[in-house]
PDB file of N, CA and C in Angstrom:
ATOM      1  N   MET A   1     135.250  85.976 108.608  1.00  0.00           N
ATOM      2  CA  MET A   1     134.238  87.001 108.402  1.00  0.00           C
ATOM      3  C   MET A   1     133.363  86.611 107.212  1.00  0.00           C
ATOM      4  N   HIS A   2     132.062  86.700 107.410  1.00  0.00           N
ATOM      5  CA  HIS A   2     131.113  86.310 106.369  1.00  0.00           C
ATOM      6  C   HIS A   2     130.699  87.538 105.568  1.00  0.00           C
ATOM      7  N   THR A   3     130.904  87.486 104.265  1.00  0.00           N
ATOM      8  CA  THR A   3     130.449  88.550 103.385  1.00  0.00           C
ATOM      9  C   THR A   3     129.104  88.131 102.814  1.00  0.00           C
ATOM     10  N   LYS A   4     128.132  89.039 102.888  1.00  0.00           N
ATOM     11  CA  LYS A   4     126.795  88.705 102.386  1.00  0.00           C
ATOM     12  C   LYS A   4     126.824  88.502 100.881  1.00  0.00           C
ATOM     13  N   THR A   5     126.127  87.475 100.441  1.00  0.00           N
ATOM     14  CA  THR A   5     125.987  87.231  99.015  1.00  0.00           C
ATOM     15  C   THR A   5     124.927  88.174  98.453  1.00  0.00           C
ATOM     16  N   THR A   6     124.864  88.251  97.153  1.00  0.00           N
ATOM     17  CA  THR A   6     123.845  89.081  96.510  1.00  0.00           C
ATOM     18  C   THR A   6     122.455  88.623  96.919  1.00  0.00           C
ATOM     19  N   LYS A   7     122.241  87.319  96.963  1.00  0.00           N
ATOM     20  CA  LYS A   7     120.925  86.798  97.356  1.00  0.00           C
ATOM     21  C   LYS A   7     120.593  87.189  98.790  1.00  0.00           C
ATOM     22  N   GLU A   8     121.562  87.105  99.686  1.00  0.00           N
ATOM     23  CA  GLU A   8     121.322  87.492 101.077  1.00  0.00           C
ATOM     24  C   GLU A   8     120.980  88.974 101.183  1.00  0.00           C
ATOM     25  N   LYS A   9     121.659  89.778 100.385  1.00  0.00           N
ATOM     26  CA  LYS A   9     121.372  91.222 100.377  1.00  0.00           C
ATOM     27  C   LYS A   9     119.958  91.480  99.851  1.00  0.00           C
ATOM     28  N   LEU A  10     119.568  90.769  98.801  1.00  0.00           N
ATOM     29  CA  LEU A  10     118.225  90.933  98.240  1.00  0.00           C
ATOM     30  C   LEU A  10     117.161  90.505  99.253  1.00  0.00           C
ATOM     31  N   ILE A  11     117.396  89.402  99.944  1.00  0.00           N
ATOM     32  CA  ILE A  11     116.457  88.931 100.967  1.00  0.00           C
ATOM     33  C   ILE A  11     116.353  89.966 102.080  1.00  0.00           C
ATOM     34  N   ASN A  12     117.479  90.540 102.467  1.00  0.00           N
ATOM     35  CA  ASN A  12     117.490  91.588 103.479  1.00  0.00           C
ATOM     36  C   ASN A  12     116.712  92.814 102.994  1.00  0.00           C
ATOM     37  N   ASP A  13     116.872  93.165 101.721  1.00  0.00           N
ATOM     38  CA  ASP A  13     116.125  94.294 101.144  1.00  0.00           C
ATOM     39  C   ASP A  13     114.620  94.036 101.192  1.00  0.00           C
ATOM     40  N   ILE A  14     114.210  92.817 100.895  1.00  0.00           N
ATOM     41  CA  ILE A  14     112.785  92.462 100.948  1.00  0.00           C
ATOM     42  C   ILE A  14     112.264  92.639 102.373  1.00  0.00           C
ATOM     43  N   GLN A  15     113.014  92.136 103.325  1.00  0.00           N
ATOM     44  CA  GLN A  15     112.603  92.265 104.726  1.00  0.00           C
ATOM     45  C   GLN A  15     112.512  93.736 105.128  1.00  0.00           C
ATOM     46  N   ASN A  16     113.484  94.540 104.716  1.00  0.00           N
ATOM     47  CA  ASN A  16     113.460  95.970 105.042  1.00  0.00           C
ATOM     48  C   ASN A  16     112.259  96.669 104.417  1.00  0.00           C
ATOM     49  N   LEU A  17     111.936  96.325 103.180  1.00  0.00           N
ATOM     50  CA  LEU A  17     110.764  96.919 102.527  1.00  0.00           C
ATOM     51  C   LEU A  17     109.480  96.544 103.250  1.00  0.00           C
ATOM     52  N   LEU A  18     109.371  95.299 103.652  1.00  0.00           N
ATOM     53  CA  LEU A  18     108.176  94.860 104.373  1.00  0.00           C
ATOM     54  C   LEU A  18     108.032  95.592 105.704  1.00  0.00           C
ATOM     55  N   ASN A  19     109.138  95.992 106.284  1.00  0.00           N
ATOM     56  CA  ASN A  19     109.109  96.659 107.582  1.00  0.00           C
ATOM     57  C   ASN A  19     108.923  98.169 107.482  1.00  0.00           C
ATOM     58  N   THR A  20     108.656  98.682 106.284  1.00  0.00           N
ATOM     59  CA  THR A  20     108.417 100.120 106.148  1.00  0.00           C
ATOM     60  C   THR A  20     106.935 100.468 106.175  1.00  0.00           C
ATOM     61  N   TYR A  21     106.069  99.461 106.243  1.00  0.00           N
ATOM     62  CA  TYR A  21     104.633  99.724 106.300  1.00  0.00           C
ATOM     63  C   TYR A  21     104.254 100.153 107.709  1.00  0.00           C
ATOM     64  N   GLU A  22     103.608 101.317 107.821  1.00  0.00           N
ATOM     65  CA  GLU A  22     103.196 101.830 109.121  1.00  0.00           C
ATOM     66  C   GLU A  22     102.050 100.999 109.681  1.00  0.00           C
ATOM     67  N   GLY A  23     102.084 100.774 110.982  1.00  0.00           N
ATOM     68  CA  GLY A  23     101.011 100.059 111.651  1.00  0.00           C
ATOM     69  C   GLY A  23     101.050  98.553 111.484  1.00  0.00           C
ATOM     70  N   VAL A  24     102.086  98.059 110.832  1.00  0.00           N
ATOM     71  CA  VAL A  24     102.222  96.615 110.630  1.00  0.00           C
ATOM     72  C   VAL A  24     103.394  96.139 111.486  1.00  0.00           C
ATOM     73  N   PRO A  25     103.189  95.090 112.281  1.00  0.00           N
ATOM     74  CA  PRO A  25     104.287  94.593 113.122  1.00  0.00           C
ATOM     75  C   PRO A  25     105.508  94.224 112.278  1.00  0.00           C
ATOM     76  N   PRO A  26     106.695  94.362 112.849  1.00  0.00           N
ATOM     77  CA  PRO A  26     107.921  94.030 112.101  1.00  0.00           C
ATOM     78  C   PRO A  26     107.880  92.606 111.552  1.00  0.00           C
ATOM     79  N   THR A  27     108.430  92.467 110.364  1.00  0.00           N
ATOM     80  CA  THR A  27     108.473  91.179 109.690  1.00  0.00           C
ATOM     81  C   THR A  27     109.900  90.653 109.715  1.00  0.00           C
ATOM     82  N   SER A  28     110.035  89.401 110.034  1.00  0.00           N
ATOM     83  CA  SER A  28     111.337  88.753 109.993  1.00  0.00           C
ATOM     84  C   SER A  28     111.219  87.562 109.049  1.00  0.00           C
ATOM     85  N   ILE A  29     112.101  87.519 108.074  1.00  0.00           N
ATOM     86  CA  ILE A  29     112.059  86.448 107.081  1.00  0.00           C
ATOM     87  C   ILE A  29     113.192  85.467 107.362  1.00  0.00           C
ATOM     88  N   ASN A  30     112.838  84.202 107.392  1.00  0.00           N
ATOM     89  CA  ASN A  30     113.861  83.171 107.496  1.00  0.00           C
ATOM     90  C   ASN A  30     114.514  83.075 106.116  1.00  0.00           C
ATOM     91  N   PRO A  31     115.783  83.484 106.002  1.00  0.00           N
ATOM     92  CA  PRO A  31     116.444  83.485 104.688  1.00  0.00           C
ATOM     93  C   PRO A  31     116.413  82.134 103.995  1.00  0.00           C
ATOM     94  N   ASN A  32     116.342  81.058 104.768  1.00  0.00           N
ATOM     95  CA  ASN A  32     116.314  79.723 104.159  1.00  0.00           C
ATOM     96  C   ASN A  32     115.063  79.517 103.313  1.00  0.00           C
ATOM     97  N   LEU A  33     113.984  80.229 103.645  1.00  0.00           N
ATOM     98  CA  LEU A  33     112.742  80.081 102.884  1.00  0.00           C
ATOM     99  C   LEU A  33     112.842  80.705 101.497  1.00  0.00           C
ATOM    100  N   LEU A  34     113.677  81.733 101.356  1.00  0.00           N
ATOM    101  CA  LEU A  34     113.821  82.407 100.065  1.00  0.00           C
ATOM    102  C   LEU A  34     115.096  81.995  99.334  1.00  0.00           C
ATOM    103  N   GLN A  35     115.945  81.241  99.987  1.00  0.00           N
ATOM    104  CA  GLN A  35     117.242  80.881  99.418  1.00  0.00           C
ATOM    105  C   GLN A  35     117.112  80.097  98.109  1.00  0.00           C
ATOM    106  N   PHE A  36     116.016  79.352  97.965  1.00  0.00           N
ATOM    107  CA  PHE A  36     115.846  78.545  96.747  1.00  0.00           C
ATOM    108  C   PHE A  36     115.512  79.400  95.526  1.00  0.00           C
ATOM    109  N   MET A  37     115.094  80.647  95.753  1.00  0.00           N
ATOM    110  CA  MET A  37     114.727  81.528  94.640  1.00  0.00           C
ATOM    111  C   MET A  37     115.985  82.095  93.992  1.00  0.00           C
ATOM    112  N   ASP A  38     115.906  82.310  92.685  1.00  0.00           N
ATOM    113  CA  ASP A  38     117.048  82.909  92.015  1.00  0.00           C
ATOM    114  C   ASP A  38     117.004  84.430  92.178  1.00  0.00           C
ATOM    115  N   GLU A  39     118.096  85.082  91.806  1.00  0.00           N
ATOM    116  CA  GLU A  39     118.203  86.530  91.985  1.00  0.00           C
ATOM    117  C   GLU A  39     117.115  87.277  91.226  1.00  0.00           C
ATOM    118  N   ALA A  40     116.783  86.810  90.035  1.00  0.00           N
ATOM    119  CA  ALA A  40     115.754  87.485  89.231  1.00  0.00           C
ATOM    120  C   ALA A  40     114.411  87.478  89.951  1.00  0.00           C
ATOM    121  N   THR A  41     114.065  86.359  90.569  1.00  0.00           N
ATOM    122  CA  THR A  41     112.795  86.261  91.301  1.00  0.00           C
ATOM    123  C   THR A  41     112.801  87.186  92.509  1.00  0.00           C
ATOM    124  N   LEU A  42     113.914  87.218  93.237  1.00  0.00           N
ATOM    125  CA  LEU A  42     114.016  88.101  94.400  1.00  0.00           C
ATOM    126  C   LEU A  42     113.901  89.568  93.979  1.00  0.00           C
ATOM    127  N   LYS A  43     114.529  89.917  92.857  1.00  0.00           N
ATOM    128  CA  LYS A  43     114.434  91.292  92.352  1.00  0.00           C
ATOM    129  C   LYS A  43     113.001  91.614  91.934  1.00  0.00           C
ATOM    130  N   GLU A  44     112.308  90.629  91.378  1.00  0.00           N
ATOM    131  CA  GLU A  44     110.910  90.827  90.992  1.00  0.00           C
ATOM    132  C   GLU A  44     110.045  91.087  92.230  1.00  0.00           C
ATOM    133  N   ILE A  45     110.311  90.363  93.308  1.00  0.00           N
ATOM    134  CA  ILE A  45     109.577  90.584  94.558  1.00  0.00           C
ATOM    135  C   ILE A  45     109.813  92.008  95.048  1.00  0.00           C
ATOM    136  N   ILE A  46     111.062  92.459  95.005  1.00  0.00           N
ATOM    137  CA  ILE A  46     111.382  93.825  95.425  1.00  0.00           C
ATOM    138  C   ILE A  46     110.643  94.826  94.547  1.00  0.00           C
ATOM    139  N   GLY A  47     110.647  94.598  93.241  1.00  0.00           N
ATOM    140  CA  GLY A  47     109.932  95.486  92.323  1.00  0.00           C
ATOM    141  C   GLY A  47     108.449  95.547  92.631  1.00  0.00           C
ATOM    142  N   ASN A  48     107.855  94.396  92.919  1.00  0.00           N
ATOM    143  CA  ASN A  48     106.426  94.355  93.252  1.00  0.00           C
ATOM    144  C   ASN A  48     106.136  95.099  94.549  1.00  0.00           C
ATOM    145  N   LEU A  49     107.002  94.943  95.543  1.00  0.00           N
ATOM    146  CA  LEU A  49     106.813  95.660  96.811  1.00  0.00           C
ATOM    147  C   LEU A  49     106.919  97.169  96.606  1.00  0.00           C
ATOM    148  N   LEU A  50     107.881  97.587  95.788  1.00  0.00           N
ATOM    149  CA  LEU A  50     108.031  99.022  95.507  1.00  0.00           C
ATOM    150  C   LEU A  50     106.819  99.564  94.759  1.00  0.00           C
ATOM    151  N   THR A  51     106.289  98.789  93.819  1.00  0.00           N
ATOM    152  CA  THR A  51     105.091  99.200  93.084  1.00  0.00           C
ATOM    153  C   THR A  51     103.907  99.339  94.032  1.00  0.00           C
ATOM    154  N   GLN A  52     103.741  98.379  94.936  1.00  0.00           N
ATOM    155  CA  GLN A  52     102.647  98.450  95.911  1.00  0.00           C
ATOM    156  C   GLN A  52     102.770  99.689  96.784  1.00  0.00           C
ATOM    157  N   LYS A  53     103.991  99.995  97.223  1.00  0.00           N
ATOM    158  CA  LYS A  53     104.203 101.172  98.067  1.00  0.00           C
ATOM    159  C   LYS A  53     103.874 102.441  97.290  1.00  0.00           C
ATOM    160  N   GLU A  54     104.280 102.502  96.031  1.00  0.00           N
ATOM    161  CA  GLU A  54     104.020 103.686  95.207  1.00  0.00           C
ATOM    162  C   GLU A  54     102.523 103.858  94.977  1.00  0.00           C
ATOM    163  N   GLU A  55     101.831 102.763  94.679  1.00  0.00           N
ATOM    164  CA  GLU A  55     100.385 102.838  94.455  1.00  0.00           C
ATOM    165  C   GLU A  55      99.660 103.257  95.724  1.00  0.00           C
ATOM    166  N   ALA A  56     100.100 102.755  96.867  1.00  0.00           N
ATOM    167  CA  ALA A  56      99.479 103.133  98.141  1.00  0.00           C
ATOM    168  C   ALA A  56      99.707 104.610  98.417  1.00  0.00           C
ATOM    169  N   LYS A  57     100.894 105.092  98.079  1.00  0.00           N
ATOM    170  CA  LYS A  57     101.209 106.501  98.291  1.00  0.00           C
ATOM    171  C   LYS A  57     100.323 107.377  97.405  1.00  0.00           C
ATOM    172  N   GLU A  58     100.109 106.962  96.153  1.00  0.00           N
ATOM    173  CA  GLU A  58      99.263 107.729  95.237  1.00  0.00           C
ATOM    174  C   GLU A  58      97.825 107.789  95.743  1.00  0.00           C
ATOM    175  N   VAL A  59      97.320 106.693  96.291  1.00  0.00           N
ATOM    176  CA  VAL A  59      95.967 106.665  96.850  1.00  0.00           C
ATOM    177  C   VAL A  59      95.887 107.607  98.043  1.00  0.00           C
ATOM    178  N   ASP A  60      96.907 107.585  98.894  1.00  0.00           N
ATOM    179  CA  ASP A  60      96.934 108.475 100.055  1.00  0.00           C
ATOM    180  C   ASP A  60      96.948 109.937  99.629  1.00  0.00           C
ATOM    181  N   ILE A  61      97.741 110.259  98.614  1.00  0.00           N
ATOM    182  CA  ILE A  61      97.823 111.637  98.129  1.00  0.00           C
ATOM    183  C   ILE A  61      96.476 112.069  97.565  1.00  0.00           C
ATOM    184  N   ALA A  62      95.839 111.221  96.772  1.00  0.00           N
ATOM    185  CA  ALA A  62      94.526 111.551  96.202  1.00  0.00           C
ATOM    186  C   ALA A  62      93.508 111.759  97.313  1.00  0.00           C
ATOM    187  N   TRP A  63      93.561 110.934  98.341  1.00  0.00           N
ATOM    188  CA  TRP A  63      92.634 111.044  99.465  1.00  0.00           C
ATOM    189  C   TRP A  63      92.858 112.363 100.191  1.00  0.00           C
ATOM    190  N   LEU A  64      94.107 112.735 100.417  1.00  0.00           N
ATOM    191  CA  LEU A  64      94.410 113.994 101.095  1.00  0.00           C
ATOM    192  C   LEU A  64      94.028 115.201 100.243  1.00  0.00           C
ATOM    193  N   GLU A  65      94.227 115.105  98.934  1.00  0.00           N
ATOM    194  CA  GLU A  65      93.915 116.221  98.042  1.00  0.00           C
ATOM    195  C   GLU A  65      92.431 116.536  98.011  1.00  0.00           C
ATOM    196  N   GLN A  66      91.577 115.558  98.227  1.00  0.00           N
ATOM    197  CA  GLN A  66      90.143 115.834  98.228  1.00  0.00           C
ATOM    198  C   GLN A  66      89.778 116.767  99.377  1.00  0.00           C
ATOM    199  N   PHE A  67      90.492 116.700 100.471  1.00  0.00           N
ATOM    200  CA  PHE A  67      90.231 117.596 101.594  1.00  0.00           C
ATOM    201  C   PHE A  67      90.799 118.984 101.332  1.00  0.00           C
ATOM    202  N   GLN A  68      91.934 119.025 100.662  1.00  0.00           N
ATOM    203  CA  GLN A  68      92.566 120.301 100.358  1.00  0.00           C
ATOM    204  C   GLN A  68      91.705 121.114  99.395  1.00  0.00           C
ATOM    205  N   SER A  69      91.083 120.477  98.444  1.00  0.00           N
ATOM    206  CA  SER A  69      90.296 121.202  97.446  1.00  0.00           C
ATOM    207  C   SER A  69      88.973 121.713  98.004  1.00  0.00           C
ATOM    208  N   THR A  70      88.542 121.206  99.159  1.00  0.00           N
ATOM    209  CA  THR A  70      87.278 121.669  99.730  1.00  0.00           C
ATOM    210  C   THR A  70      87.460 122.901 100.597  1.00  0.00           C
ATOM    211  N   HIS A  71      88.694 123.289 100.857  1.00  0.00           N
ATOM    212  CA  HIS A  71      88.948 124.468 101.694  1.00  0.00           C
ATOM    213  C   HIS A  71      89.500 125.606 100.892  1.00  0.00           C
TER     214      HIS A  71
END
């Protein structure tokens, strides 16, 4: 039985984050492409993806609020 390493889990987390964008086809990452990266780099990628999602959410909320304030 194969137990996932921390790096494999981080790579899986990156793939899962990429697949949460609406309207974007599912993304599949070849783990071998990211295997050379250290854990800190993989965590940084996850942090950047989370920041992008948060910023996109804030823009969406601001866009929706402009309609709410006009009614």
